[in-house]
Amino acid sequence: MAVEMVEQVLEHRRDEVIGLGMDGAEAPDPPEQFVEAFKLAKKGGLRLTSHACEDAPPRNIVTCLDVLGCERLDHGYHIIEDTQIMARARDEGIYFTCCPTATAVCYGWPDLSKHPIREMVAGGLRVMLNSDDPTMFHTDIGKEYVDLCTACEYGPAQVREFCLNGVAASWLDDSEKARLHGAFERELDSLEASLARS
């Protein structure tokens, strides 16, 4: 079924469709079930990501990187249970899209000060924040930043890192990414200056 979906996407490809992601519970549907679909997507020129290690063991990260060919990963929280995989992800500069509220609701960690994101950041992983399903979880990207950064007592430097990681991990072309990076830097500089004056 997944292969059929990718075939249809590629057959009726629109310019706006640049990548393929996989989400949902990993325990009943581990990433190795989707190898052929991801191979086909990559052959068709799509960029690749996947939920990994949100509700499953760290080995799913290895599968997503080495077997599915993912460039970045969504969630990844259980990576903190395996120091070797964590070191690999850090050394290879893998980006993780983390969604504090969604996982607090679905998988635990309601106290965001103890969310695995904190250990991921402390371990040098490249984390960016997102909101997952805003309507379902009654949140948005701003609320995610406020809630997590308040709970973990992150200051402007960490907020800047989250923001710029998001730009760096995007699938924009290099020139657009550089333009956006500069725009973010200027806006963040302005916000920090206003904080210093208040």
N, C-alpha and C. Protein backbone atom coordinates (compact mmCIF):
# COMPACT_ATOMS: atom_id res chain seq x y z
N MET A 1 0.82 -1.20 0.00
CA MET A 1 0.00 0.00 0.00
C MET A 1 0.87 1.26 0.00
N ALA A 2 1.94 1.27 0.79
CA ALA A 2 2.83 2.43 0.83
C ALA A 2 3.52 2.63 -0.52
N VAL A 3 3.92 1.53 -1.15
CA VAL A 3 4.55 1.62 -2.47
C VAL A 3 3.57 2.21 -3.48
N GLU A 4 2.32 1.77 -3.43
CA GLU A 4 1.30 2.30 -4.34
C GLU A 4 1.13 3.80 -4.15
N MET A 5 1.14 4.24 -2.88
CA MET A 5 1.00 5.67 -2.62
C MET A 5 2.14 6.46 -3.24
N VAL A 6 3.38 5.96 -3.06
CA VAL A 6 4.53 6.65 -3.62
C VAL A 6 4.46 6.66 -5.15
N GLU A 7 4.05 5.55 -5.72
CA GLU A 7 3.89 5.49 -7.19
C GLU A 7 2.91 6.55 -7.67
N GLN A 8 1.81 6.72 -6.95
CA GLN A 8 0.82 7.73 -7.34
C GLN A 8 1.36 9.14 -7.17
N VAL A 9 2.10 9.36 -6.09
CA VAL A 9 2.70 10.68 -5.87
C VAL A 9 3.65 11.02 -7.01
N LEU A 10 4.49 10.07 -7.39
CA LEU A 10 5.47 10.32 -8.44
C LEU A 10 4.80 10.46 -9.81
N GLU A 11 3.76 9.70 -10.03
CA GLU A 11 3.06 9.77 -11.32
C GLU A 11 2.36 11.10 -11.50
N HIS A 12 1.85 11.63 -10.41
CA HIS A 12 1.10 12.90 -10.46
C HIS A 12 1.84 14.00 -9.71
N ARG A 13 3.14 13.99 -9.82
CA ARG A 13 4.02 14.87 -9.03
C ARG A 13 3.70 16.33 -9.28
N ARG A 14 3.57 17.06 -8.21
CA ARG A 14 3.39 18.52 -8.24
C ARG A 14 4.68 19.16 -7.74
N ASP A 15 4.94 20.38 -8.17
CA ASP A 15 6.17 21.07 -7.77
C ASP A 15 6.27 21.24 -6.26
N GLU A 16 5.11 21.37 -5.60
CA GLU A 16 5.10 21.59 -4.15
C GLU A 16 5.51 20.35 -3.37
N VAL A 17 5.45 19.19 -3.97
CA VAL A 17 5.78 17.95 -3.28
C VAL A 17 7.26 17.67 -3.46
N ILE A 18 8.01 17.90 -2.39
CA ILE A 18 9.47 17.75 -2.49
C ILE A 18 10.01 16.62 -1.61
N GLY A 19 9.17 16.08 -0.74
CA GLY A 19 9.68 15.06 0.16
C GLY A 19 8.62 14.11 0.64
N LEU A 20 9.09 13.06 1.27
CA LEU A 20 8.21 12.03 1.82
C LEU A 20 8.56 11.81 3.29
N GLY A 21 7.54 11.75 4.12
CA GLY A 21 7.75 11.44 5.53
C GLY A 21 6.83 10.31 5.95
N MET A 22 7.16 9.70 7.06
CA MET A 22 6.34 8.63 7.60
C MET A 22 6.06 8.94 9.06
N ASP A 23 4.81 8.77 9.47
CA ASP A 23 4.51 9.00 10.87
C ASP A 23 3.58 7.91 11.38
N GLY A 24 3.16 8.06 12.61
CA GLY A 24 2.32 7.05 13.23
C GLY A 24 3.11 6.20 14.21
N ALA A 25 2.40 5.35 14.92
CA ALA A 25 3.02 4.51 15.94
C ALA A 25 4.01 3.54 15.30
N GLU A 26 5.22 3.52 15.84
CA GLU A 26 6.27 2.67 15.28
C GLU A 26 6.19 1.22 15.77
N ALA A 27 5.65 1.03 16.96
CA ALA A 27 5.64 -0.33 17.51
C ALA A 27 4.93 -1.31 16.58
N PRO A 28 3.71 -1.01 16.11
CA PRO A 28 3.06 -1.96 15.20
C PRO A 28 3.57 -1.88 13.76
N ASP A 29 4.17 -0.75 13.40
CA ASP A 29 4.62 -0.52 12.01
C ASP A 29 6.05 0.02 12.00
N PRO A 30 7.03 -0.82 12.27
CA PRO A 30 8.42 -0.35 12.32
C PRO A 30 8.91 0.08 10.93
N PRO A 31 9.95 0.89 10.88
CA PRO A 31 10.38 1.47 9.61
C PRO A 31 10.81 0.45 8.56
N GLU A 32 11.29 -0.71 8.98
CA GLU A 32 11.75 -1.69 7.99
C GLU A 32 10.62 -2.20 7.09
N GLN A 33 9.37 -1.96 7.49
CA GLN A 33 8.24 -2.36 6.65
C GLN A 33 8.11 -1.47 5.41
N PHE A 34 8.82 -0.35 5.39
CA PHE A 34 8.61 0.65 4.34
C PHE A 34 9.83 0.86 3.45
N VAL A 35 10.72 -0.11 3.43
CA VAL A 35 11.97 0.02 2.68
C VAL A 35 11.70 0.27 1.20
N GLU A 36 10.85 -0.52 0.59
CA GLU A 36 10.61 -0.40 -0.85
C GLU A 36 9.98 0.95 -1.19
N ALA A 37 9.08 1.42 -0.34
CA ALA A 37 8.44 2.71 -0.59
C ALA A 37 9.47 3.84 -0.54
N PHE A 38 10.37 3.77 0.43
CA PHE A 38 11.38 4.82 0.55
C PHE A 38 12.41 4.75 -0.58
N LYS A 39 12.76 3.55 -1.00
CA LYS A 39 13.67 3.41 -2.14
C LYS A 39 13.07 4.03 -3.39
N LEU A 40 11.80 3.77 -3.62
CA LEU A 40 11.12 4.32 -4.77
C LEU A 40 11.04 5.85 -4.69
N ALA A 41 10.74 6.36 -3.50
CA ALA A 41 10.68 7.81 -3.32
C ALA A 41 12.02 8.47 -3.59
N LYS A 42 13.09 7.87 -3.08
CA LYS A 42 14.42 8.42 -3.30
C LYS A 42 14.79 8.38 -4.79
N LYS A 43 14.48 7.28 -5.44
CA LYS A 43 14.75 7.16 -6.87
C LYS A 43 13.98 8.22 -7.65
N GLY A 44 12.80 8.57 -7.15
CA GLY A 44 11.97 9.59 -7.79
C GLY A 44 12.36 11.01 -7.44
N GLY A 45 13.41 11.18 -6.64
CA GLY A 45 13.92 12.51 -6.34
C GLY A 45 13.30 13.18 -5.13
N LEU A 46 12.57 12.44 -4.31
CA LEU A 46 11.97 13.03 -3.10
C LEU A 46 12.98 13.02 -1.95
N ARG A 47 12.92 14.06 -1.12
CA ARG A 47 13.70 14.09 0.11
C ARG A 47 13.00 13.20 1.14
N LEU A 48 13.74 12.74 2.15
CA LEU A 48 13.19 11.72 3.04
C LEU A 48 13.35 12.05 4.52
N THR A 49 12.27 11.82 5.26
CA THR A 49 12.30 11.92 6.72
C THR A 49 11.37 10.86 7.28
N SER A 50 11.35 10.71 8.59
CA SER A 50 10.45 9.73 9.20
C SER A 50 10.36 9.96 10.70
N HIS A 51 9.22 9.61 11.27
CA HIS A 51 9.16 9.42 12.72
C HIS A 51 10.15 8.33 13.08
N ALA A 52 10.88 8.53 14.12
CA ALA A 52 11.84 7.52 14.57
C ALA A 52 12.04 7.64 16.06
N CYS A 53 11.83 6.53 16.77
CA CYS A 53 12.20 6.49 18.17
C CYS A 53 11.32 7.38 19.04
N GLU A 54 10.11 7.67 18.56
CA GLU A 54 9.17 8.42 19.41
C GLU A 54 8.56 7.48 20.44
N ASP A 55 8.17 6.30 19.98
CA ASP A 55 7.57 5.30 20.87
C ASP A 55 8.24 3.95 20.66
N ALA A 56 9.50 3.97 20.27
CA ALA A 56 10.19 2.74 19.89
C ALA A 56 11.67 2.86 20.24
N PRO A 57 12.40 1.76 20.18
CA PRO A 57 13.80 1.76 20.61
C PRO A 57 14.72 2.51 19.65
N PRO A 58 15.91 2.88 20.14
CA PRO A 58 16.87 3.64 19.33
C PRO A 58 17.27 2.98 18.02
N ARG A 59 17.18 1.65 17.94
CA ARG A 59 17.58 0.99 16.68
C ARG A 59 16.76 1.48 15.49
N ASN A 60 15.55 2.01 15.74
CA ASN A 60 14.75 2.54 14.64
C ASN A 60 15.43 3.73 13.97
N ILE A 61 16.22 4.47 14.74
CA ILE A 61 16.97 5.58 14.15
C ILE A 61 17.99 5.06 13.15
N VAL A 62 18.68 4.00 13.53
CA VAL A 62 19.67 3.39 12.63
C VAL A 62 18.99 2.89 11.36
N THR A 63 17.84 2.25 11.52
CA THR A 63 17.10 1.76 10.35
C THR A 63 16.70 2.91 9.44
N CYS A 64 16.21 3.99 10.02
CA CYS A 64 15.78 5.14 9.21
C CYS A 64 16.95 5.78 8.47
N LEU A 65 18.10 5.84 9.10
CA LEU A 65 19.26 6.44 8.46
C LEU A 65 19.89 5.51 7.43
N ASP A 66 20.13 4.26 7.82
CA ASP A 66 20.92 3.36 6.99
C ASP A 66 20.11 2.58 5.97
N VAL A 67 18.86 2.30 6.29
CA VAL A 67 18.05 1.47 5.40
C VAL A 67 17.07 2.32 4.59
N LEU A 68 16.37 3.24 5.26
CA LEU A 68 15.41 4.08 4.54
C LEU A 68 16.09 5.27 3.85
N GLY A 69 17.26 5.67 4.34
CA GLY A 69 17.97 6.79 3.72
C GLY A 69 17.46 8.15 4.14
N CYS A 70 16.90 8.26 5.34
CA CYS A 70 16.36 9.54 5.81
C CYS A 70 17.47 10.56 6.04
N GLU A 71 17.15 11.82 5.75
CA GLU A 71 18.09 12.92 5.92
C GLU A 71 17.93 13.60 7.27
N ARG A 72 16.74 13.60 7.78
CA ARG A 72 16.47 14.15 9.10
C ARG A 72 15.39 13.29 9.73
N LEU A 73 15.16 13.47 11.04
CA LEU A 73 14.23 12.59 11.75
C LEU A 73 13.25 13.40 12.58
N ASP A 74 12.08 12.84 12.75
CA ASP A 74 11.07 13.45 13.61
C ASP A 74 11.09 12.76 14.97
N HIS A 75 11.09 13.56 16.01
CA HIS A 75 11.04 13.10 17.40
C HIS A 75 12.37 12.52 17.88
N GLY A 76 12.53 11.22 17.94
CA GLY A 76 13.81 10.63 18.32
C GLY A 76 14.08 10.53 19.81
N TYR A 77 13.07 10.68 20.65
CA TYR A 77 13.30 10.87 22.08
C TYR A 77 14.00 9.70 22.78
N HIS A 78 13.73 8.48 22.35
CA HIS A 78 14.34 7.34 23.02
C HIS A 78 15.81 7.16 22.64
N ILE A 79 16.33 8.04 21.82
CA ILE A 79 17.75 7.97 21.49
C ILE A 79 18.62 8.11 22.73
N ILE A 80 18.09 8.79 23.74
CA ILE A 80 18.89 9.01 24.96
C ILE A 80 19.18 7.69 25.69
N GLU A 81 18.52 6.61 25.27
CA GLU A 81 18.76 5.31 25.90
C GLU A 81 19.96 4.58 25.30
N ASP A 82 20.55 5.12 24.24
CA ASP A 82 21.68 4.47 23.59
C ASP A 82 22.76 5.51 23.29
N THR A 83 23.82 5.51 24.09
CA THR A 83 24.84 6.54 23.96
C THR A 83 25.60 6.45 22.63
N GLN A 84 25.74 5.24 22.08
CA GLN A 84 26.45 5.12 20.80
C GLN A 84 25.66 5.71 19.65
N ILE A 85 24.36 5.42 19.61
CA ILE A 85 23.53 5.99 18.55
C ILE A 85 23.41 7.49 18.72
N MET A 86 23.34 7.94 19.96
CA MET A 86 23.29 9.38 20.23
C MET A 86 24.57 10.06 19.73
N ALA A 87 25.72 9.44 20.00
CA ALA A 87 27.00 10.00 19.54
C ALA A 87 27.06 10.02 18.02
N ARG A 88 26.57 8.98 17.39
CA ARG A 88 26.57 8.95 15.93
C ARG A 88 25.72 10.08 15.36
N ALA A 89 24.51 10.25 15.89
CA ALA A 89 23.61 11.30 15.40
C ALA A 89 24.23 12.68 15.61
N ARG A 90 24.89 12.86 16.74
CA ARG A 90 25.56 14.14 17.00
C ARG A 90 26.69 14.36 16.01
N ASP A 91 27.53 13.36 15.83
CA ASP A 91 28.70 13.50 14.98
C ASP A 91 28.33 13.67 13.51
N GLU A 92 27.21 13.06 13.09
CA GLU A 92 26.78 13.18 11.70
C GLU A 92 25.89 14.40 11.47
N GLY A 93 25.59 15.13 12.54
CA GLY A 93 24.79 16.34 12.40
C GLY A 93 23.35 16.09 11.98
N ILE A 94 22.76 15.01 12.48
CA ILE A 94 21.37 14.69 12.14
C ILE A 94 20.44 15.66 12.87
N TYR A 95 19.49 16.20 12.14
CA TYR A 95 18.52 17.12 12.73
C TYR A 95 17.27 16.36 13.19
N PHE A 96 16.74 16.77 14.34
CA PHE A 96 15.55 16.16 14.92
C PHE A 96 14.46 17.22 15.07
N THR A 97 13.30 16.94 14.48
CA THR A 97 12.14 17.79 14.66
C THR A 97 11.40 17.31 15.91
N CYS A 98 11.40 18.11 16.96
CA CYS A 98 10.82 17.71 18.24
C CYS A 98 9.55 18.50 18.54
N CYS A 99 8.56 17.81 19.06
CA CYS A 99 7.24 18.40 19.31
C CYS A 99 6.85 18.13 20.76
N PRO A 100 7.19 19.03 21.68
CA PRO A 100 6.99 18.76 23.11
C PRO A 100 5.56 18.42 23.51
N THR A 101 4.59 19.22 23.08
CA THR A 101 3.22 19.03 23.54
C THR A 101 2.65 17.70 23.06
N ALA A 102 2.84 17.39 21.79
CA ALA A 102 2.26 16.16 21.23
C ALA A 102 2.76 14.93 21.98
N THR A 103 4.05 14.88 22.26
CA THR A 103 4.56 13.71 22.96
C THR A 103 4.19 13.71 24.43
N ALA A 104 4.04 14.89 25.02
CA ALA A 104 3.59 14.95 26.41
C ALA A 104 2.19 14.36 26.53
N VAL A 105 1.36 14.61 25.51
CA VAL A 105 -0.01 14.10 25.53
C VAL A 105 -0.05 12.61 25.20
N CYS A 106 0.68 12.20 24.18
CA CYS A 106 0.56 10.83 23.65
C CYS A 106 1.43 9.79 24.35
N TYR A 107 2.64 10.19 24.74
CA TYR A 107 3.60 9.19 25.19
C TYR A 107 4.20 9.46 26.56
N GLY A 108 3.72 10.44 27.26
CA GLY A 108 4.27 10.72 28.57
C GLY A 108 5.07 12.00 28.60
N TRP A 109 5.87 12.18 29.64
CA TRP A 109 6.67 13.38 29.85
C TRP A 109 5.82 14.65 29.95
N PRO A 110 4.76 14.64 30.74
CA PRO A 110 3.95 15.86 30.86
C PRO A 110 4.72 17.02 31.49
N ASP A 111 5.72 16.70 32.30
CA ASP A 111 6.58 17.74 32.87
C ASP A 111 7.69 18.02 31.85
N LEU A 112 7.54 19.12 31.12
CA LEU A 112 8.48 19.41 30.03
C LEU A 112 9.90 19.65 30.52
N SER A 113 10.05 19.97 31.80
CA SER A 113 11.41 20.15 32.32
C SER A 113 12.16 18.81 32.37
N LYS A 114 11.42 17.70 32.26
CA LYS A 114 12.04 16.37 32.27
C LYS A 114 11.87 15.65 30.93
N HIS A 115 11.45 16.38 29.92
CA HIS A 115 11.26 15.79 28.59
C HIS A 115 12.62 15.38 28.02
N PRO A 116 12.68 14.27 27.28
CA PRO A 116 13.96 13.84 26.68
C PRO A 116 14.62 14.90 25.80
N ILE A 117 13.86 15.85 25.30
CA ILE A 117 14.46 16.92 24.50
C ILE A 117 15.60 17.58 25.26
N ARG A 118 15.41 17.71 26.56
CA ARG A 118 16.44 18.37 27.37
C ARG A 118 17.77 17.61 27.29
N GLU A 119 17.71 16.28 27.41
CA GLU A 119 18.94 15.48 27.31
C GLU A 119 19.49 15.46 25.88
N MET A 120 18.61 15.52 24.90
CA MET A 120 19.05 15.58 23.52
C MET A 120 19.86 16.85 23.26
N VAL A 121 19.34 17.97 23.75
CA VAL A 121 20.03 19.25 23.60
C VAL A 121 21.36 19.22 24.36
N ALA A 122 21.32 18.74 25.61
CA ALA A 122 22.54 18.69 26.42
C ALA A 122 23.59 17.77 25.79
N GLY A 123 23.12 16.76 25.04
CA GLY A 123 24.02 15.83 24.39
C GLY A 123 24.55 16.31 23.04
N GLY A 124 24.19 17.53 22.67
CA GLY A 124 24.72 18.11 21.44
C GLY A 124 23.98 17.76 20.17
N LEU A 125 22.77 17.19 20.30
CA LEU A 125 21.99 16.88 19.11
C LEU A 125 21.38 18.15 18.53
N ARG A 126 21.17 18.14 17.23
CA ARG A 126 20.61 19.30 16.53
C ARG A 126 19.09 19.21 16.55
N VAL A 127 18.51 19.93 17.48
CA VAL A 127 17.07 19.89 17.71
C VAL A 127 16.42 21.15 17.16
N MET A 128 15.28 20.97 16.54
CA MET A 128 14.42 22.11 16.18
C MET A 128 13.03 21.80 16.73
N LEU A 129 12.26 22.84 16.99
CA LEU A 129 10.94 22.65 17.59
C LEU A 129 9.84 22.79 16.55
N ASN A 130 8.81 22.00 16.73
CA ASN A 130 7.64 22.10 15.88
C ASN A 130 6.41 21.79 16.71
N SER A 131 5.23 21.91 16.07
CA SER A 131 3.99 21.79 16.82
C SER A 131 3.21 20.52 16.50
N ASP A 132 3.72 19.67 15.60
CA ASP A 132 3.05 18.44 15.22
C ASP A 132 1.66 18.75 14.66
N ASP A 133 0.60 18.44 15.39
CA ASP A 133 -0.77 18.68 14.93
C ASP A 133 -1.41 19.76 15.80
N PRO A 134 -1.31 21.03 15.39
CA PRO A 134 -1.77 22.13 16.26
C PRO A 134 -3.23 22.02 16.67
N THR A 135 -4.11 21.65 15.76
CA THR A 135 -5.53 21.58 16.10
C THR A 135 -5.80 20.47 17.11
N MET A 136 -5.17 19.33 16.90
CA MET A 136 -5.39 18.18 17.79
C MET A 136 -4.87 18.45 19.20
N PHE A 137 -3.72 19.14 19.28
CA PHE A 137 -3.08 19.31 20.58
C PHE A 137 -3.23 20.72 21.14
N HIS A 138 -4.03 21.54 20.50
CA HIS A 138 -4.32 22.90 20.98
C HIS A 138 -3.03 23.68 21.25
N THR A 139 -2.19 23.72 20.23
CA THR A 139 -0.91 24.40 20.37
C THR A 139 -0.56 25.07 19.04
N ASP A 140 0.56 25.76 19.04
CA ASP A 140 1.14 26.30 17.82
C ASP A 140 2.64 26.43 18.06
N ILE A 141 3.37 26.83 17.04
CA ILE A 141 4.83 26.84 17.17
C ILE A 141 5.29 27.80 18.26
N GLY A 142 4.62 28.93 18.41
CA GLY A 142 4.99 29.88 19.46
C GLY A 142 4.82 29.30 20.85
N LYS A 143 3.69 28.63 21.04
CA LYS A 143 3.42 28.01 22.35
C LYS A 143 4.45 26.93 22.66
N GLU A 144 4.86 26.17 21.63
CA GLU A 144 5.88 25.14 21.86
C GLU A 144 7.17 25.76 22.38
N TYR A 145 7.58 26.86 21.76
CA TYR A 145 8.80 27.54 22.22
C TYR A 145 8.65 28.06 23.64
N VAL A 146 7.53 28.73 23.91
CA VAL A 146 7.32 29.31 25.23
C VAL A 146 7.28 28.22 26.30
N ASP A 147 6.52 27.17 26.05
CA ASP A 147 6.34 26.13 27.06
C ASP A 147 7.65 25.39 27.35
N LEU A 148 8.34 24.94 26.29
CA LEU A 148 9.56 24.18 26.51
C LEU A 148 10.67 25.05 27.09
N CYS A 149 10.85 26.23 26.52
CA CYS A 149 11.97 27.08 26.97
C CYS A 149 11.75 27.59 28.38
N THR A 150 10.48 27.81 28.74
CA THR A 150 10.19 28.20 30.12
C THR A 150 10.48 27.04 31.07
N ALA A 151 9.99 25.86 30.73
CA ALA A 151 10.17 24.69 31.60
C ALA A 151 11.64 24.34 31.78
N CYS A 152 12.41 24.47 30.71
CA CYS A 152 13.83 24.09 30.77
C CYS A 152 14.75 25.27 31.07
N GLU A 153 14.17 26.44 31.26
CA GLU A 153 14.92 27.66 31.56
C GLU A 153 15.96 27.97 30.48
N TYR A 154 15.54 27.79 29.22
CA TYR A 154 16.40 28.13 28.10
C TYR A 154 16.32 29.63 27.82
N GLY A 155 17.45 30.23 27.57
CA GLY A 155 17.49 31.64 27.26
C GLY A 155 17.56 31.89 25.76
N PRO A 156 17.81 33.15 25.38
CA PRO A 156 17.83 33.53 23.96
C PRO A 156 18.81 32.72 23.11
N ALA A 157 19.94 32.33 23.65
CA ALA A 157 20.92 31.59 22.85
C ALA A 157 20.36 30.24 22.40
N GLN A 158 19.65 29.55 23.28
CA GLN A 158 19.08 28.26 22.90
C GLN A 158 17.92 28.44 21.95
N VAL A 159 17.13 29.48 22.16
CA VAL A 159 16.03 29.77 21.23
C VAL A 159 16.59 30.02 19.83
N ARG A 160 17.66 30.79 19.76
CA ARG A 160 18.31 31.07 18.48
C ARG A 160 18.77 29.76 17.81
N GLU A 161 19.36 28.89 18.61
CA GLU A 161 19.83 27.62 18.06
C GLU A 161 18.68 26.79 17.50
N PHE A 162 17.57 26.70 18.24
CA PHE A 162 16.40 25.98 17.74
C PHE A 162 15.93 26.56 16.41
N CYS A 163 15.81 27.88 16.36
CA CYS A 163 15.32 28.54 15.15
C CYS A 163 16.24 28.28 13.95
N LEU A 164 17.52 28.48 14.14
CA LEU A 164 18.46 28.34 13.04
C LEU A 164 18.65 26.89 12.64
N ASN A 165 18.47 25.96 13.58
CA ASN A 165 18.46 24.54 13.21
C ASN A 165 17.31 24.25 12.26
N GLY A 166 16.18 24.88 12.51
CA GLY A 166 15.03 24.69 11.63
C GLY A 166 15.30 25.16 10.22
N VAL A 167 15.99 26.28 10.10
CA VAL A 167 16.36 26.78 8.78
C VAL A 167 17.34 25.82 8.11
N ALA A 168 18.36 25.42 8.85
CA ALA A 168 19.40 24.56 8.29
C ALA A 168 18.86 23.20 7.86
N ALA A 169 17.87 22.69 8.58
CA ALA A 169 17.31 21.37 8.27
C ALA A 169 16.24 21.41 7.20
N SER A 170 15.85 22.59 6.78
CA SER A 170 14.79 22.70 5.78
C SER A 170 15.27 22.15 4.43
N TRP A 171 14.31 21.90 3.56
CA TRP A 171 14.63 21.38 2.24
C TRP A 171 14.61 22.48 1.18
N LEU A 172 14.88 23.71 1.60
CA LEU A 172 15.03 24.82 0.67
C LEU A 172 16.35 24.66 -0.07
N ASP A 173 16.46 25.32 -1.23
CA ASP A 173 17.76 25.29 -1.90
C ASP A 173 18.72 26.19 -1.14
N ASP A 174 20.01 26.07 -1.44
CA ASP A 174 21.04 26.74 -0.64
C ASP A 174 20.88 28.26 -0.62
N SER A 175 20.51 28.86 -1.74
CA SER A 175 20.38 30.33 -1.78
C SER A 175 19.20 30.80 -0.94
N GLU A 176 18.09 30.08 -1.03
CA GLU A 176 16.92 30.45 -0.22
C GLU A 176 17.18 30.21 1.25
N LYS A 177 17.90 29.14 1.55
CA LYS A 177 18.25 28.85 2.94
C LYS A 177 19.14 29.94 3.52
N ALA A 178 20.10 30.40 2.73
CA ALA A 178 20.99 31.48 3.18
C ALA A 178 20.21 32.77 3.40
N ARG A 179 19.27 33.07 2.50
CA ARG A 179 18.45 34.28 2.66
C ARG A 179 17.62 34.21 3.93
N LEU A 180 17.01 33.04 4.17
CA LEU A 180 16.17 32.86 5.35
C LEU A 180 16.99 32.91 6.62
N HIS A 181 18.18 32.32 6.59
CA HIS A 181 19.07 32.34 7.75
C HIS A 181 19.40 33.78 8.13
N GLY A 182 19.72 34.59 7.14
CA GLY A 182 20.02 35.99 7.41
C GLY A 182 18.83 36.74 7.98
N ALA A 183 17.65 36.47 7.45
CA ALA A 183 16.44 37.12 7.95
C ALA A 183 16.16 36.72 9.39
N PHE A 184 16.34 35.44 9.71
CA PHE A 184 16.15 34.98 11.08
C PHE A 184 17.16 35.62 12.02
N GLU A 185 18.41 35.68 11.61
CA GLU A 185 19.45 36.29 12.44
C GLU A 185 19.10 37.74 12.76
N ARG A 186 18.67 38.49 11.75
CA ARG A 186 18.33 39.90 11.98
C ARG A 186 17.15 40.04 12.93
N GLU A 187 16.14 39.21 12.75
CA GLU A 187 14.97 39.27 13.63
C GLU A 187 15.32 38.87 15.06
N LEU A 188 16.14 37.84 15.20
CA LEU A 188 16.56 37.41 16.53
C LEU A 188 17.43 38.47 17.21
N ASP A 189 18.31 39.12 16.44
CA ASP A 189 19.12 40.21 17.00
C ASP A 189 18.23 41.32 17.51
N SER A 190 17.21 41.67 16.73
CA SER A 190 16.28 42.73 17.13
C SER A 190 15.51 42.36 18.40
N LEU A 191 15.06 41.12 18.47
CA LEU A 191 14.33 40.67 19.66
C LEU A 191 15.22 40.68 20.90
N GLU A 192 16.47 40.22 20.73
CA GLU A 192 17.38 40.22 21.88
C GLU A 192 17.69 41.64 22.34
N ALA A 193 17.83 42.54 21.37
CA ALA A 193 18.10 43.95 21.74
C ALA A 193 16.93 44.54 22.51
N SER A 194 15.70 44.22 22.10
CA SER A 194 14.53 44.73 22.81
C SER A 194 14.43 44.13 24.21
N LEU A 195 14.83 42.87 24.35
CA LEU A 195 14.85 42.26 25.68
C LEU A 195 15.87 42.94 26.60
N ALA A 196 17.01 43.28 26.02
CA ALA A 196 18.06 43.93 26.81
C ALA A 196 17.63 45.31 27.29
N ARG A 197 16.79 45.97 26.49
CA ARG A 197 16.33 47.32 26.87
C ARG A 197 15.21 47.27 27.90
N SER A 198 14.51 46.14 28.00
CA SER A 198 13.34 46.11 28.88
C SER A 198 13.74 45.80 30.34
